[in-house]
Structures are given as structure tokens and as C-alpha cells.
Amino acid sequence: MEVLKKIIILSFVFVALGSCNKISKEFSLEGSCEEGAKIFREIECLQIFEKLPAFSSPYMKSEGRHLVTGEKCICEDETRVLNNYSELLEKGDTIIKRKGELSFSIHKKDTIIVVKFECEGKVYE
């Protein structure tokens, strides 16, 4: 019985590690910066943070209010680009990432931080 449990657990680990979705592939050695930029352009997040993303996750998933409508919303970024800046975020900050653009901004009470998409040392516009 113990051997069967180990086999099942190892099977799940291998499936999890071996499965590649479009986004993880684009940000691995197999993907290209152009493809990563293409995926990041599709993300839109216009949000005032109320609940910050979990820092234990490599992907950003934050809760807050939509900047335009004021309705509750969730921003998700599976590219890991936005989450690279999660340390800068505080409750009440606003993030503006418009679909079709490769840059985004974090608006704090007294500062605006503008971040451009960068891959392999090159800034993409």
C-alpha cells in the first residue's frame, strides 16, 4: 500500500512538472521574448488594490476595485511579469496595465512607478 501511494504521488509530480502550458513555455528557454511580449500585451489590469496578491505564488492574482467602474475585480497575470513588482505594492495602490501595451504603472500616494517590458536585457515597446 505504501509503495502504491509513492507511485501515485510521483506520478502527480511528473505530470505537474512535465505539463507545459502556453505561458510557461513562452517564459522558459524554449520560448522567445517576442512571444512573451505578445502574451503580456493581452493582459489588462486597471485596479485599486484591496487585497494584495499572495507573495508565495509566482503569478499575480490580486483583488480590488476596477479603476473605472468601481466594481470588485480580480487581476490575474500568469506571465509573472507583474508579480516581479509585487514587493512594491501596498493596499490602496493602483495598477494600470492596458491591453495592447507592454508597459504598466503602479500609482502610490506620492509616486508613480512606470515599468516597461524587458526580456534578456532588451526593453520592448
Protein backbone atom coordinates (compact mmCIF):
# COMPACT_ATOMS: atom_id res chain seq x y z
CA MET A 1 0.00 0.00 0.00
CA GLU A 2 2.84 2.38 0.86
CA VAL A 3 4.52 1.73 -2.50
CA LEU A 4 1.25 2.49 -4.31
CA LYS A 5 0.98 5.85 -2.51
CA LYS A 6 4.53 6.76 -3.56
CA ILE A 7 3.83 5.80 -7.16
CA ILE A 8 0.68 7.93 -7.23
CA ILE A 9 2.44 10.93 -5.67
CA LEU A 10 5.40 10.64 -8.05
CA SER A 11 3.01 10.35 -10.99
CA PHE A 12 1.32 13.61 -9.99
CA VAL A 13 4.69 15.31 -9.59
CA PHE A 14 5.87 14.19 -13.03
CA VAL A 15 2.62 15.24 -14.67
CA ALA A 16 2.77 18.65 -12.97
CA LEU A 17 6.40 19.19 -13.92
CA GLY A 18 6.01 17.79 -17.40
CA SER A 19 2.89 19.66 -18.42
CA CYS A 20 3.62 22.87 -20.26
CA ASN A 21 1.02 25.47 -20.97
CA LYS A 22 1.44 28.25 -23.50
CA ILE A 23 2.55 30.84 -20.98
CA SER A 24 5.10 28.77 -19.10
CA LYS A 25 6.61 27.68 -22.40
CA GLU A 26 6.97 31.26 -23.59
CA PHE A 27 8.87 32.21 -20.45
CA SER A 28 11.15 29.22 -20.46
CA LEU A 29 14.28 28.66 -22.50
CA GLU A 30 12.08 27.24 -25.25
CA GLY A 31 10.08 30.48 -25.68
CA SER A 32 11.11 33.75 -27.22
CA CYS A 33 10.93 37.30 -25.91
CA GLU A 34 8.66 38.28 -28.80
CA GLU A 35 6.16 35.56 -27.88
CA GLY A 36 6.32 36.58 -24.22
CA ALA A 37 5.66 40.19 -25.18
CA LYS A 38 2.71 39.09 -27.31
CA ILE A 39 1.14 37.31 -24.34
CA PHE A 40 1.82 40.20 -21.95
CA ARG A 41 0.12 42.63 -24.36
CA GLU A 42 -3.14 40.71 -23.86
CA ILE A 43 -3.28 41.43 -20.12
CA GLU A 44 -5.34 44.29 -18.76
CA CYS A 45 -5.44 45.30 -15.12
CA LEU A 46 -6.95 48.62 -14.02
CA GLN A 47 -7.25 48.09 -10.30
CA ILE A 48 -7.07 49.74 -6.92
CA PHE A 49 -5.63 47.05 -4.66
CA GLU A 50 -7.70 45.97 -1.69
CA LYS A 51 -6.22 42.53 -1.16
CA LEU A 52 -2.65 42.09 -2.27
CA PRO A 53 -1.50 39.09 -4.27
CA ALA A 54 -0.10 36.11 -2.42
CA PHE A 55 3.66 36.52 -2.30
CA SER A 56 4.12 32.76 -2.19
CA SER A 57 2.77 32.43 -5.74
CA PRO A 58 4.85 33.24 -8.84
CA TYR A 59 1.71 34.56 -10.54
CA MET A 60 -0.14 37.68 -9.58
CA LYS A 61 -3.78 37.36 -8.60
CA SER A 62 -4.99 40.42 -6.73
CA GLU A 63 -8.38 41.59 -5.57
CA GLY A 64 -9.63 45.15 -5.62
CA ARG A 65 -11.87 47.68 -7.30
CA HIS A 66 -11.87 48.39 -11.02
CA LEU A 67 -10.41 51.84 -11.62
CA VAL A 68 -13.19 52.92 -14.00
CA THR A 69 -16.31 51.07 -12.86
CA GLY A 70 -15.58 50.83 -9.12
CA GLU A 71 -16.80 47.24 -9.12
CA LYS A 72 -14.92 44.44 -7.38
CA CYS A 73 -12.49 42.72 -9.71
CA ILE A 74 -9.61 40.27 -9.79
CA CYS A 75 -6.45 40.88 -11.80
CA GLU A 76 -4.52 37.82 -12.91
CA ASP A 77 -1.14 37.67 -14.60
CA GLU A 78 0.24 34.24 -15.42
CA THR A 79 3.28 35.68 -17.20
CA ARG A 80 4.97 36.52 -13.87
CA VAL A 81 5.86 39.99 -15.18
CA LEU A 82 3.55 41.94 -12.86
CA ASN A 83 4.38 39.73 -9.90
CA ASN A 84 8.04 40.71 -10.21
CA TYR A 85 6.95 44.04 -8.72
CA SER A 86 4.60 42.73 -6.03
CA GLU A 87 7.04 43.79 -3.30
CA LEU A 88 6.30 47.41 -4.21
CA LEU A 89 2.55 47.05 -3.80
CA GLU A 90 0.57 48.25 -0.81
CA LYS A 91 -3.13 48.29 -0.09
CA GLY A 92 -4.63 51.35 -1.83
CA ASP A 93 -2.09 51.43 -4.67
CA THR A 94 -3.38 51.45 -8.23
CA ILE A 95 -2.00 49.43 -11.11
CA ILE A 96 -2.66 50.44 -14.69
CA LYS A 97 -1.85 47.84 -17.34
CA ARG A 98 -3.80 48.43 -20.53
CA LYS A 99 -4.41 45.70 -23.08
CA GLY A 100 -2.15 46.10 -26.09
CA GLU A 101 0.62 47.87 -24.17
CA LEU A 102 3.89 46.47 -22.86
CA SER A 103 4.36 48.96 -20.05
CA PHE A 104 2.37 49.38 -16.86
CA SER A 105 2.38 51.77 -13.93
CA ILE A 106 1.96 51.48 -10.19
CA HIS A 107 0.42 54.59 -8.65
CA LYS A 108 1.19 55.18 -5.00
CA LYS A 109 0.07 58.13 -2.84
CA ASP A 110 3.08 60.25 -3.79
CA THR A 111 4.84 58.30 -6.56
CA ILE A 112 4.18 56.77 -9.96
CA ILE A 113 6.39 53.86 -10.99
CA VAL A 114 6.44 53.10 -14.72
CA VAL A 115 7.71 49.68 -15.77
CA LYS A 116 8.49 48.63 -19.33
CA PHE A 117 8.54 45.04 -20.54
CA GLU A 118 12.11 43.75 -20.56
CA CYS A 119 13.42 40.40 -21.72
CA GLU A 120 17.03 39.25 -21.99
CA GLY A 121 18.26 42.80 -21.32
CA LYS A 122 16.18 44.39 -24.09
CA VAL A 123 13.28 46.78 -23.45
CA TYR A 124 10.26 46.13 -25.67
CA GLU A 125 7.81 48.87 -26.64
